[in-house]
């Protein structure tokens, strides 16, 4: 398991915004058009675009353009990697940093 703290901290920071957590929850139900996601919020389309850019920059969300519309979906592989990172972080496993300090990436 890759315990890259810097990359995972970037993802966790992106998820520290409650609106982004809500977007992830919405996308967990499947691909959504930006206009569909916007219906869940009281902010503008440019604000949604900013949140989506943050989530795409940390590879949690994929974007597919169709004409004027953007369709978003979860990057399930990277979402699962984050979950595994967090599980390994809080669980005493063979991957634990105190068992083999050479596994720690700074």
PDB file of N, CA and C in Angstrom:
ATOM      1  N   UNK A   1       0.839  -1.190   0.000  1.00  0.00           N
ATOM      2  CA  UNK A   1       0.000   0.000   0.000  1.00  0.00           C
ATOM      3  C   UNK A   1       0.876   1.242   0.000  1.00  0.00           C
ATOM      4  N   UNK A   2       0.608   2.153  -0.882  1.00  0.00           N
ATOM      5  CA  UNK A   2       1.370   3.393  -0.972  1.00  0.00           C
ATOM      6  C   UNK A   2       0.863   4.381   0.067  1.00  0.00           C
ATOM      7  N   UNK A   3       1.703   4.689   1.043  1.00  0.00           N
ATOM      8  CA  UNK A   3       1.326   5.623   2.102  1.00  0.00           C
ATOM      9  C   UNK A   3       1.870   7.008   1.770  1.00  0.00           C
ATOM     10  N   UNK A   4       1.496   7.548   0.610  1.00  0.00           N
ATOM     11  CA  UNK A   4       1.959   8.863   0.213  1.00  0.00           C
ATOM     12  C   UNK A   4       1.108   9.912   0.923  1.00  0.00           C
ATOM     13  N   UNK A   5       1.666  10.487   1.969  1.00  0.00           N
ATOM     14  CA  UNK A   5       0.923  11.417   2.813  1.00  0.00           C
ATOM     15  C   UNK A   5       0.579  12.710   2.084  1.00  0.00           C
ATOM     16  N   UNK A   6       1.476  13.224   1.259  1.00  0.00           N
ATOM     17  CA  UNK A   6       1.225  14.494   0.565  1.00  0.00           C
ATOM     18  C   UNK A   6       0.046  14.393  -0.391  1.00  0.00           C
ATOM     19  N   UNK A   7       0.029  13.358  -1.226  1.00  0.00           N
ATOM     20  CA  UNK A   7      -1.071  13.191  -2.186  1.00  0.00           C
ATOM     21  C   UNK A   7      -2.399  12.970  -1.484  1.00  0.00           C
ATOM     22  N   UNK A   8      -2.391  12.140  -0.457  1.00  0.00           N
ATOM     23  CA  UNK A   8      -3.630  11.863   0.267  1.00  0.00           C
ATOM     24  C   UNK A   8      -4.106  13.072   1.068  1.00  0.00           C
ATOM     25  N   UNK A   9      -3.189  13.876   1.572  1.00  0.00           N
ATOM     26  CA  UNK A   9      -3.578  15.094   2.289  1.00  0.00           C
ATOM     27  C   UNK A   9      -4.272  16.063   1.336  1.00  0.00           C
ATOM     28  N   UNK A  10      -3.821  16.128   0.094  1.00  0.00           N
ATOM     29  CA  UNK A  10      -4.466  16.984  -0.912  1.00  0.00           C
ATOM     30  C   UNK A  10      -5.920  16.549  -1.128  1.00  0.00           C
ATOM     31  N   UNK A  11      -6.149  15.250  -1.202  1.00  0.00           N
ATOM     32  CA  UNK A  11      -7.498  14.724  -1.403  1.00  0.00           C
ATOM     33  C   UNK A  11      -8.358  15.006  -0.165  1.00  0.00           C
ATOM     34  N   UNK A  12      -7.807  14.765   1.004  1.00  0.00           N
ATOM     35  CA  UNK A  12      -8.558  14.998   2.236  1.00  0.00           C
ATOM     36  C   UNK A  12      -8.895  16.479   2.377  1.00  0.00           C
ATOM     37  N   UNK A  13      -7.967  17.351   2.013  1.00  0.00           N
ATOM     38  CA  UNK A  13      -8.235  18.792   2.059  1.00  0.00           C
ATOM     39  C   UNK A  13      -9.371  19.146   1.105  1.00  0.00           C
ATOM     40  N   UNK A  14      -9.381  18.551  -0.083  1.00  0.00           N
ATOM     41  CA  UNK A  14     -10.463  18.807  -1.040  1.00  0.00           C
ATOM     42  C   UNK A  14     -11.806  18.377  -0.456  1.00  0.00           C
ATOM     43  N   UNK A  15     -11.810  17.307   0.308  1.00  0.00           N
ATOM     44  CA  UNK A  15     -13.044  16.785   0.891  1.00  0.00           C
ATOM     45  C   UNK A  15     -13.441  17.489   2.188  1.00  0.00           C
ATOM     46  N   UNK A  16     -12.613  18.417   2.647  1.00  0.00           N
ATOM     47  CA  UNK A  16     -12.926  19.108   3.900  1.00  0.00           C
ATOM     48  C   UNK A  16     -14.041  20.138   3.729  1.00  0.00           C
ATOM     49  N   UNK A  17     -14.449  20.391   2.506  1.00  0.00           N
ATOM     50  CA  UNK A  17     -15.553  21.314   2.238  1.00  0.00           C
ATOM     51  C   UNK A  17     -16.867  20.530   2.220  1.00  0.00           C
ATOM     52  N   UNK A  18     -17.867  20.939   2.997  1.00  0.00           N
ATOM     53  CA  UNK A  18     -19.125  20.175   3.039  1.00  0.00           C
ATOM     54  C   UNK A  18     -19.843  20.106   1.694  1.00  0.00           C
ATOM     55  N   UNK A  19     -19.714  21.131   0.870  1.00  0.00           N
ATOM     56  CA  UNK A  19     -20.335  21.083  -0.456  1.00  0.00           C
ATOM     57  C   UNK A  19     -19.708  20.002  -1.328  1.00  0.00           C
ATOM     58  N   UNK A  20     -18.404  19.834  -1.215  1.00  0.00           N
ATOM     59  CA  UNK A  20     -17.725  18.803  -2.005  1.00  0.00           C
ATOM     60  C   UNK A  20     -18.091  17.408  -1.506  1.00  0.00           C
ATOM     61  N   UNK A  21     -18.250  17.262  -0.202  1.00  0.00           N
ATOM     62  CA  UNK A  21     -18.711  15.974   0.325  1.00  0.00           C
ATOM     63  C   UNK A  21     -20.105  15.651  -0.213  1.00  0.00           C
ATOM     64  N   UNK A  22     -20.951  16.659  -0.266  1.00  0.00           N
ATOM     65  CA  UNK A  22     -22.302  16.459  -0.793  1.00  0.00           C
ATOM     66  C   UNK A  22     -22.249  16.082  -2.278  1.00  0.00           C
ATOM     67  N   UNK A  23     -21.353  16.707  -3.032  1.00  0.00           N
ATOM     68  CA  UNK A  23     -21.185  16.369  -4.456  1.00  0.00           C
ATOM     69  C   UNK A  23     -20.766  14.910  -4.601  1.00  0.00           C
ATOM     70  N   UNK A  24     -19.827  14.460  -3.779  1.00  0.00           N
ATOM     71  CA  UNK A  24     -19.392  13.061  -3.817  1.00  0.00           C
ATOM     72  C   UNK A  24     -20.579  12.148  -3.512  1.00  0.00           C
ATOM     73  N   UNK A  25     -21.387  12.518  -2.532  1.00  0.00           N
ATOM     74  CA  UNK A  25     -22.571  11.731  -2.186  1.00  0.00           C
ATOM     75  C   UNK A  25     -23.535  11.673  -3.376  1.00  0.00           C
ATOM     76  N   UNK A  26     -23.764  12.785  -4.030  1.00  0.00           N
ATOM     77  CA  UNK A  26     -24.651  12.828  -5.198  1.00  0.00           C
ATOM     78  C   UNK A  26     -24.110  11.926  -6.304  1.00  0.00           C
ATOM     79  N   UNK A  27     -22.810  12.011  -6.550  1.00  0.00           N
ATOM     80  CA  UNK A  27     -22.208  11.214  -7.627  1.00  0.00           C
ATOM     81  C   UNK A  27     -22.116   9.736  -7.284  1.00  0.00           C
ATOM     82  N   UNK A  28     -22.245   9.396  -6.002  1.00  0.00           N
ATOM     83  CA  UNK A  28     -22.213   7.973  -5.624  1.00  0.00           C
ATOM     84  C   UNK A  28     -23.421   7.233  -6.197  1.00  0.00           C
ATOM     85  N   UNK A  29     -24.455   7.981  -6.586  1.00  0.00           N
ATOM     86  CA  UNK A  29     -25.657   7.386  -7.195  1.00  0.00           C
ATOM     87  C   UNK A  29     -25.487   7.194  -8.698  1.00  0.00           C
ATOM     88  N   UNK A  30     -24.396   7.697  -9.272  1.00  0.00           N
ATOM     89  CA  UNK A  30     -24.161   7.554 -10.702  1.00  0.00           C
ATOM     90  C   UNK A  30     -23.823   8.878 -11.352  1.00  0.00           C
ATOM     91  N   UNK A  31     -23.494   8.810 -12.633  1.00  0.00           N
ATOM     92  CA  UNK A  31     -23.106   9.994 -13.401  1.00  0.00           C
ATOM     93  C   UNK A  31     -24.220  11.039 -13.376  1.00  0.00           C
ATOM     94  N   UNK A  32     -23.809  12.310 -13.265  1.00  0.00           N
ATOM     95  CA  UNK A  32     -24.768  13.408 -13.241  1.00  0.00           C
ATOM     96  C   UNK A  32     -24.259  14.566 -14.108  1.00  0.00           C
ATOM     97  N   UNK A  33     -25.206  15.215 -14.754  1.00  0.00           N
ATOM     98  CA  UNK A  33     -24.935  16.445 -15.490  1.00  0.00           C
ATOM     99  C   UNK A  33     -24.743  17.572 -14.470  1.00  0.00           C
ATOM    100  N   UNK A  34     -23.918  18.560 -14.817  1.00  0.00           N
ATOM    101  CA  UNK A  34     -23.696  19.688 -13.918  1.00  0.00           C
ATOM    102  C   UNK A  34     -25.018  20.349 -13.532  1.00  0.00           C
ATOM    103  N   UNK A  35     -25.938  20.457 -14.484  1.00  0.00           N
ATOM    104  CA  UNK A  35     -27.228  21.100 -14.190  1.00  0.00           C
ATOM    105  C   UNK A  35     -28.012  20.317 -13.143  1.00  0.00           C
ATOM    106  N   UNK A  36     -27.894  18.986 -13.147  1.00  0.00           N
ATOM    107  CA  UNK A  36     -28.566  18.158 -12.138  1.00  0.00           C
ATOM    108  C   UNK A  36     -27.931  18.339 -10.763  1.00  0.00           C
ATOM    109  N   UNK A  37     -26.627  18.420 -10.718  1.00  0.00           N
ATOM    110  CA  UNK A  37     -25.917  18.614  -9.441  1.00  0.00           C
ATOM    111  C   UNK A  37     -26.275  19.974  -8.859  1.00  0.00           C
ATOM    112  N   UNK A  38     -26.344  20.980  -9.711  1.00  0.00           N
ATOM    113  CA  UNK A  38     -26.610  22.349  -9.269  1.00  0.00           C
ATOM    114  C   UNK A  38     -27.960  22.475  -8.555  1.00  0.00           C
ATOM    115  N   UNK A  39     -28.916  21.625  -8.889  1.00  0.00           N
ATOM    116  CA  UNK A  39     -30.236  21.671  -8.261  1.00  0.00           C
ATOM    117  C   UNK A  39     -30.182  21.417  -6.756  1.00  0.00           C
ATOM    118  N   UNK A  40     -29.127  20.776  -6.273  1.00  0.00           N
ATOM    119  CA  UNK A  40     -28.990  20.461  -4.852  1.00  0.00           C
ATOM    120  C   UNK A  40     -28.392  21.609  -4.034  1.00  0.00           C
ATOM    121  N   UNK A  41     -27.975  22.684  -4.719  1.00  0.00           N
ATOM    122  CA  UNK A  41     -27.248  23.759  -4.042  1.00  0.00           C
ATOM    123  C   UNK A  41     -27.881  25.124  -4.298  1.00  0.00           C
ATOM    124  N   UNK A  42     -27.554  26.058  -3.421  1.00  0.00           N
ATOM    125  CA  UNK A  42     -27.995  27.448  -3.573  1.00  0.00           C
ATOM    126  C   UNK A  42     -26.832  28.332  -3.998  1.00  0.00           C
ATOM    127  N   UNK A  43     -25.978  27.835  -4.882  1.00  0.00           N
ATOM    128  CA  UNK A  43     -24.901  28.675  -5.401  1.00  0.00           C
ATOM    129  C   UNK A  43     -24.901  28.635  -6.923  1.00  0.00           C
ATOM    130  N   UNK A  44     -24.055  29.473  -7.511  1.00  0.00           N
ATOM    131  CA  UNK A  44     -24.045  29.670  -8.960  1.00  0.00           C
ATOM    132  C   UNK A  44     -23.286  28.559  -9.687  1.00  0.00           C
ATOM    133  N   UNK A  45     -23.466  28.519 -10.991  1.00  0.00           N
ATOM    134  CA  UNK A  45     -22.768  27.546 -11.829  1.00  0.00           C
ATOM    135  C   UNK A  45     -21.249  27.729 -11.753  1.00  0.00           C
ATOM    136  N   UNK A  46     -20.734  28.990 -11.758  1.00  0.00           N
ATOM    137  CA  UNK A  46     -19.275  29.144 -11.607  1.00  0.00           C
ATOM    138  C   UNK A  46     -18.745  28.579 -10.283  1.00  0.00           C
ATOM    139  N   UNK A  47     -19.529  28.680  -9.208  1.00  0.00           N
ATOM    140  CA  UNK A  47     -19.109  28.101  -7.925  1.00  0.00           C
ATOM    141  C   UNK A  47     -19.074  26.587  -8.021  1.00  0.00           C
ATOM    142  N   UNK A  48     -20.083  26.005  -8.668  1.00  0.00           N
ATOM    143  CA  UNK A  48     -20.070  24.551  -8.874  1.00  0.00           C
ATOM    144  C   UNK A  48     -18.845  24.155  -9.696  1.00  0.00           C
ATOM    145  N   UNK A  49     -18.551  24.911 -10.738  1.00  0.00           N
ATOM    146  CA  UNK A  49     -17.380  24.615 -11.581  1.00  0.00           C
ATOM    147  C   UNK A  49     -16.101  24.618 -10.759  1.00  0.00           C
ATOM    148  N   UNK A  50     -15.992  25.552  -9.837  1.00  0.00           N
ATOM    149  CA  UNK A  50     -14.807  25.602  -8.966  1.00  0.00           C
ATOM    150  C   UNK A  50     -14.711  24.329  -8.121  1.00  0.00           C
ATOM    151  N   UNK A  51     -15.819  23.941  -7.490  1.00  0.00           N
ATOM    152  CA  UNK A  51     -15.811  22.733  -6.668  1.00  0.00           C
ATOM    153  C   UNK A  51     -15.465  21.498  -7.506  1.00  0.00           C
ATOM    154  N   UNK A  52     -16.021  21.421  -8.713  1.00  0.00           N
ATOM    155  CA  UNK A  52     -15.745  20.269  -9.574  1.00  0.00           C
ATOM    156  C   UNK A  52     -14.275  20.248  -9.985  1.00  0.00           C
ATOM    157  N   UNK A  53     -13.708  21.415 -10.252  1.00  0.00           N
ATOM    158  CA  UNK A  53     -12.286  21.483 -10.626  1.00  0.00           C
ATOM    159  C   UNK A  53     -11.408  20.959  -9.491  1.00  0.00           C
ATOM    160  N   UNK A  54     -11.727  21.348  -8.262  1.00  0.00           N
ATOM    161  CA  UNK A  54     -10.953  20.865  -7.104  1.00  0.00           C
ATOM    162  C   UNK A  54     -11.037  19.342  -7.012  1.00  0.00           C
ATOM    163  N   UNK A  55     -12.240  18.798  -7.173  1.00  0.00           N
ATOM    164  CA  UNK A  55     -12.423  17.346  -7.089  1.00  0.00           C
ATOM    165  C   UNK A  55     -11.758  16.619  -8.261  1.00  0.00           C
ATOM    166  N   UNK A  56     -11.756  17.227  -9.433  1.00  0.00           N
ATOM    167  CA  UNK A  56     -11.083  16.613 -10.587  1.00  0.00           C
ATOM    168  C   UNK A  56      -9.565  16.705 -10.454  1.00  0.00           C
ATOM    169  N   UNK A  57      -9.059  17.815  -9.898  1.00  0.00           N
ATOM    170  CA  UNK A  57      -7.608  17.980  -9.723  1.00  0.00           C
ATOM    171  C   UNK A  57      -7.013  16.924  -8.790  1.00  0.00           C
ATOM    172  N   UNK A  58      -7.816  16.422  -7.863  1.00  0.00           N
ATOM    173  CA  UNK A  58      -7.305  15.363  -6.980  1.00  0.00           C
ATOM    174  C   UNK A  58      -7.796  13.989  -7.433  1.00  0.00           C
ATOM    175  N   UNK A  59      -8.314  13.921  -8.650  1.00  0.00           N
ATOM    176  CA  UNK A  59      -8.687  12.664  -9.324  1.00  0.00           C
ATOM    177  C   UNK A  59      -9.772  11.857  -8.615  1.00  0.00           C
ATOM    178  N   UNK A  60     -10.675  12.535  -7.908  1.00  0.00           N
ATOM    179  CA  UNK A  60     -11.815  11.836  -7.317  1.00  0.00           C
ATOM    180  C   UNK A  60     -13.012  11.825  -8.257  1.00  0.00           C
ATOM    181  N   UNK A  61     -13.030  12.778  -9.210  1.00  0.00           N
ATOM    182  CA  UNK A  61     -14.168  12.934 -10.112  1.00  0.00           C
ATOM    183  C   UNK A  61     -13.671  12.998 -11.548  1.00  0.00           C
ATOM    184  N   UNK A  62     -14.398  12.328 -12.437  1.00  0.00           N
ATOM    185  CA  UNK A  62     -14.135  12.376 -13.883  1.00  0.00           C
ATOM    186  C   UNK A  62     -15.159  13.286 -14.535  1.00  0.00           C
ATOM    187  N   UNK A  63     -14.764  13.898 -15.653  1.00  0.00           N
ATOM    188  CA  UNK A  63     -15.667  14.767 -16.397  1.00  0.00           C
ATOM    189  C   UNK A  63     -15.690  14.332 -17.857  1.00  0.00           C
ATOM    190  N   UNK A  64     -16.904  14.260 -18.389  1.00  0.00           N
ATOM    191  CA  UNK A  64     -17.094  13.913 -19.799  1.00  0.00           C
ATOM    192  C   UNK A  64     -17.918  15.032 -20.422  1.00  0.00           C
ATOM    193  N   UNK A  65     -17.372  15.667 -21.459  1.00  0.00           N
ATOM    194  CA  UNK A  65     -18.072  16.758 -22.141  1.00  0.00           C
ATOM    195  C   UNK A  65     -18.921  16.203 -23.270  1.00  0.00           C
ATOM    196  N   UNK A  66     -20.161  16.685 -23.347  1.00  0.00           N
ATOM    197  CA  UNK A  66     -21.054  16.371 -24.456  1.00  0.00           C
ATOM    198  C   UNK A  66     -21.689  17.670 -24.907  1.00  0.00           C
ATOM    199  N   UNK A  67     -21.150  18.255 -25.961  1.00  0.00           N
ATOM    200  CA  UNK A  67     -21.640  19.551 -26.415  1.00  0.00           C
ATOM    201  C   UNK A  67     -21.391  20.609 -25.365  1.00  0.00           C
ATOM    202  N   UNK A  68     -22.451  21.278 -24.949  1.00  0.00           N
ATOM    203  CA  UNK A  68     -22.337  22.322 -23.931  1.00  0.00           C
ATOM    204  C   UNK A  68     -22.391  21.768 -22.514  1.00  0.00           C
ATOM    205  N   UNK A  69     -22.697  20.481 -22.370  1.00  0.00           N
ATOM    206  CA  UNK A  69     -22.920  19.897 -21.062  1.00  0.00           C
ATOM    207  C   UNK A  69     -21.699  19.142 -20.552  1.00  0.00           C
ATOM    208  N   UNK A  70     -21.508  19.206 -19.255  1.00  0.00           N
ATOM    209  CA  UNK A  70     -20.471  18.418 -18.579  1.00  0.00           C
ATOM    210  C   UNK A  70     -21.158  17.372 -17.722  1.00  0.00           C
ATOM    211  N   UNK A  71     -20.712  16.133 -17.876  1.00  0.00           N
ATOM    212  CA  UNK A  71     -21.246  15.025 -17.080  1.00  0.00           C
ATOM    213  C   UNK A  71     -20.138  14.533 -16.160  1.00  0.00           C
ATOM    214  N   UNK A  72     -20.460  14.414 -14.892  1.00  0.00           N
ATOM    215  CA  UNK A  72     -19.478  14.054 -13.873  1.00  0.00           C
ATOM    216  C   UNK A  72     -19.780  12.682 -13.287  1.00  0.00           C
ATOM    217  N   UNK A  73     -18.711  11.986 -12.934  1.00  0.00           N
ATOM    218  CA  UNK A  73     -18.835  10.686 -12.278  1.00  0.00           C
ATOM    219  C   UNK A  73     -17.675  10.517 -11.304  1.00  0.00           C
ATOM    220  N   UNK A  74     -17.869   9.612 -10.354  1.00  0.00           N
ATOM    221  CA  UNK A  74     -16.790   9.317  -9.409  1.00  0.00           C
ATOM    222  C   UNK A  74     -15.711   8.492 -10.088  1.00  0.00           C
ATOM    223  N   UNK A  75     -14.464   8.752  -9.733  1.00  0.00           N
ATOM    224  CA  UNK A  75     -13.356   7.897 -10.122  1.00  0.00           C
ATOM    225  C   UNK A  75     -13.266   6.846  -9.015  1.00  0.00           C
ATOM    226  N   UNK A  76     -13.969   5.738  -9.213  1.00  0.00           N
ATOM    227  CA  UNK A  76     -14.105   4.747  -8.136  1.00  0.00           C
ATOM    228  C   UNK A  76     -12.766   4.154  -7.715  1.00  0.00           C
ATOM    229  N   UNK A  77     -11.834   4.027  -8.624  1.00  0.00           N
ATOM    230  CA  UNK A  77     -10.519   3.473  -8.264  1.00  0.00           C
ATOM    231  C   UNK A  77      -9.828   4.383  -7.252  1.00  0.00           C
ATOM    232  N   UNK A  78      -9.802   5.673  -7.527  1.00  0.00           N
ATOM    233  CA  UNK A  78      -9.130   6.592  -6.604  1.00  0.00           C
ATOM    234  C   UNK A  78      -9.920   6.792  -5.314  1.00  0.00           C
ATOM    235  N   UNK A  79     -11.235   6.713  -5.377  1.00  0.00           N
ATOM    236  CA  UNK A  79     -12.036   6.767  -4.144  1.00  0.00           C
ATOM    237  C   UNK A  79     -11.705   5.570  -3.263  1.00  0.00           C
ATOM    238  N   UNK A  80     -11.599   4.398  -3.866  1.00  0.00           N
ATOM    239  CA  UNK A  80     -11.246   3.199  -3.109  1.00  0.00           C
ATOM    240  C   UNK A  80      -9.831   3.280  -2.557  1.00  0.00           C
ATOM    241  N   UNK A  81      -8.903   3.872  -3.317  1.00  0.00           N
ATOM    242  CA  UNK A  81      -7.525   4.038  -2.820  1.00  0.00           C
ATOM    243  C   UNK A  81      -7.504   4.918  -1.582  1.00  0.00           C
ATOM    244  N   UNK A  82      -8.326   5.975  -1.589  1.00  0.00           N
ATOM    245  CA  UNK A  82      -8.388   6.853  -0.424  1.00  0.00           C
ATOM    246  C   UNK A  82      -8.926   6.098   0.790  1.00  0.00           C
ATOM    247  N   UNK A  83      -9.963   5.316   0.578  1.00  0.00           N
ATOM    248  CA  UNK A  83     -10.546   4.533   1.675  1.00  0.00           C
ATOM    249  C   UNK A  83      -9.511   3.549   2.229  1.00  0.00           C
ATOM    250  N   UNK A  84      -8.775   2.879   1.344  1.00  0.00           N
ATOM    251  CA  UNK A  84      -7.730   1.947   1.800  1.00  0.00           C
ATOM    252  C   UNK A  84      -6.627   2.676   2.557  1.00  0.00           C
ATOM    253  N   UNK A  85      -6.240   3.850   2.068  1.00  0.00           N
ATOM    254  CA  UNK A  85      -5.222   4.648   2.755  1.00  0.00           C
ATOM    255  C   UNK A  85      -5.687   4.964   4.174  1.00  0.00           C
ATOM    256  N   UNK A  86      -6.931   5.433   4.305  1.00  0.00           N
ATOM    257  CA  UNK A  86      -7.449   5.790   5.628  1.00  0.00           C
ATOM    258  C   UNK A  86      -7.558   4.566   6.531  1.00  0.00           C
ATOM    259  N   UNK A  87      -7.990   3.448   5.969  1.00  0.00           N
ATOM    260  CA  UNK A  87      -8.088   2.222   6.773  1.00  0.00           C
ATOM    261  C   UNK A  87      -6.711   1.790   7.264  1.00  0.00           C
ATOM    262  N   UNK A  88      -5.722   1.828   6.389  1.00  0.00           N
ATOM    263  CA  UNK A  88      -4.364   1.443   6.796  1.00  0.00           C
ATOM    264  C   UNK A  88      -3.763   2.432   7.784  1.00  0.00           C
ATOM    265  N   UNK A  89      -4.180   3.687   7.669  1.00  0.00           N
ATOM    266  CA  UNK A  89      -3.656   4.720   8.546  1.00  0.00           C
ATOM    267  C   UNK A  89      -4.090   4.502   9.992  1.00  0.00           C
ATOM    268  N   UNK A  90      -5.312   4.039  10.180  1.00  0.00           N
ATOM    269  CA  UNK A  90      -5.857   3.914  11.535  1.00  0.00           C
ATOM    270  C   UNK A  90      -5.895   2.474  12.044  1.00  0.00           C
ATOM    271  N   UNK A  91      -5.353   1.550  11.272  1.00  0.00           N
ATOM    272  CA  UNK A  91      -5.371   0.141  11.646  1.00  0.00           C
ATOM    273  C   UNK A  91      -3.947  -0.357  11.838  1.00  0.00           C
ATOM    274  N   UNK A  92      -3.731  -1.144  12.866  1.00  0.00           N
ATOM    275  CA  UNK A  92      -2.424  -1.746  13.114  1.00  0.00           C
ATOM    276  C   UNK A  92      -2.247  -2.919  12.156  1.00  0.00           C
ATOM    277  N   UNK A  93      -1.522  -2.669  11.070  1.00  0.00           N
ATOM    278  CA  UNK A  93      -1.279  -3.695  10.059  1.00  0.00           C
ATOM    279  C   UNK A  93       0.221  -3.828   9.831  1.00  0.00           C
ATOM    280  N   UNK A  94       0.589  -4.729   8.955  1.00  0.00           N
ATOM    281  CA  UNK A  94       1.998  -4.864   8.576  1.00  0.00           C
ATOM    282  C   UNK A  94       2.503  -3.602   7.895  1.00  0.00           C
ATOM    283  N   UNK A  95       1.588  -2.788   7.364  1.00  0.00           N
ATOM    284  CA  UNK A  95       1.952  -1.540   6.698  1.00  0.00           C
ATOM    285  C   UNK A  95       2.218  -0.410   7.690  1.00  0.00           C
ATOM    286  N   UNK A  96       1.990  -0.650   8.957  1.00  0.00           N
ATOM    287  CA  UNK A  96       2.125   0.392   9.971  1.00  0.00           C
ATOM    288  C   UNK A  96       3.537   0.982   9.947  1.00  0.00           C
ATOM    289  N   UNK A  97       3.632   2.282   9.974  1.00  0.00           N
ATOM    290  CA  UNK A  97       4.915   2.982   9.854  1.00  0.00           C
ATOM    291  C   UNK A  97       5.896   2.583  10.952  1.00  0.00           C
ATOM    292  N   UNK A  98       5.400   2.287  12.138  1.00  0.00           N
ATOM    293  CA  UNK A  98       6.303   1.957  13.239  1.00  0.00           C
ATOM    294  C   UNK A  98       6.889   0.550  13.112  1.00  0.00           C
ATOM    295  N   UNK A  99       6.346  -0.251  12.201  1.00  0.00           N
ATOM    296  CA  UNK A  99       6.883  -1.595  11.997  1.00  0.00           C
ATOM    297  C   UNK A  99       8.035  -1.606  10.986  1.00  0.00           C
ATOM    298  N   UNK A 100       8.011  -0.662  10.041  1.00  0.00           N
ATOM    299  CA  UNK A 100       9.072  -0.590   9.032  1.00  0.00           C
ATOM    300  C   UNK A 100       9.184   0.850   8.554  1.00  0.00           C
ATOM    301  N   UNK A 101      10.094   1.606   9.160  1.00  0.00           N
ATOM    302  CA  UNK A 101      10.221   3.024   8.853  1.00  0.00           C
ATOM    303  C   UNK A 101      10.618   3.292   7.407  1.00  0.00           C
ATOM    304  N   UNK A 102      11.132   2.313   6.684  1.00  0.00           N
ATOM    305  CA  UNK A 102      11.518   2.525   5.281  1.00  0.00           C
ATOM    306  C   UNK A 102      10.287   2.683   4.391  1.00  0.00           C
ATOM    307  N   UNK A 103       9.098   2.308   4.875  1.00  0.00           N
ATOM    308  CA  UNK A 103       7.875   2.420   4.075  1.00  0.00           C
ATOM    309  C   UNK A 103       7.291   3.816   4.104  1.00  0.00           C
ATOM    310  N   UNK A 104       7.829   4.674   4.931  1.00  0.00           N
ATOM    311  CA  UNK A 104       7.291   6.022   5.065  1.00  0.00           C
ATOM    312  C   UNK A 104       7.864   6.922   3.978  1.00  0.00           C
ATOM    313  N   UNK A 105       6.970   7.574   3.224  1.00  0.00           N
ATOM    314  CA  UNK A 105       7.396   8.539   2.206  1.00  0.00           C
ATOM    315  C   UNK A 105       7.153   9.939   2.739  1.00  0.00           C
ATOM    316  N   UNK A 106       8.206  10.744   2.730  1.00  0.00           N
ATOM    317  CA  UNK A 106       8.046  12.125   3.200  1.00  0.00           C
ATOM    318  C   UNK A 106       8.102  13.066   2.028  1.00  0.00           C
TER     319      UNK A 106
END
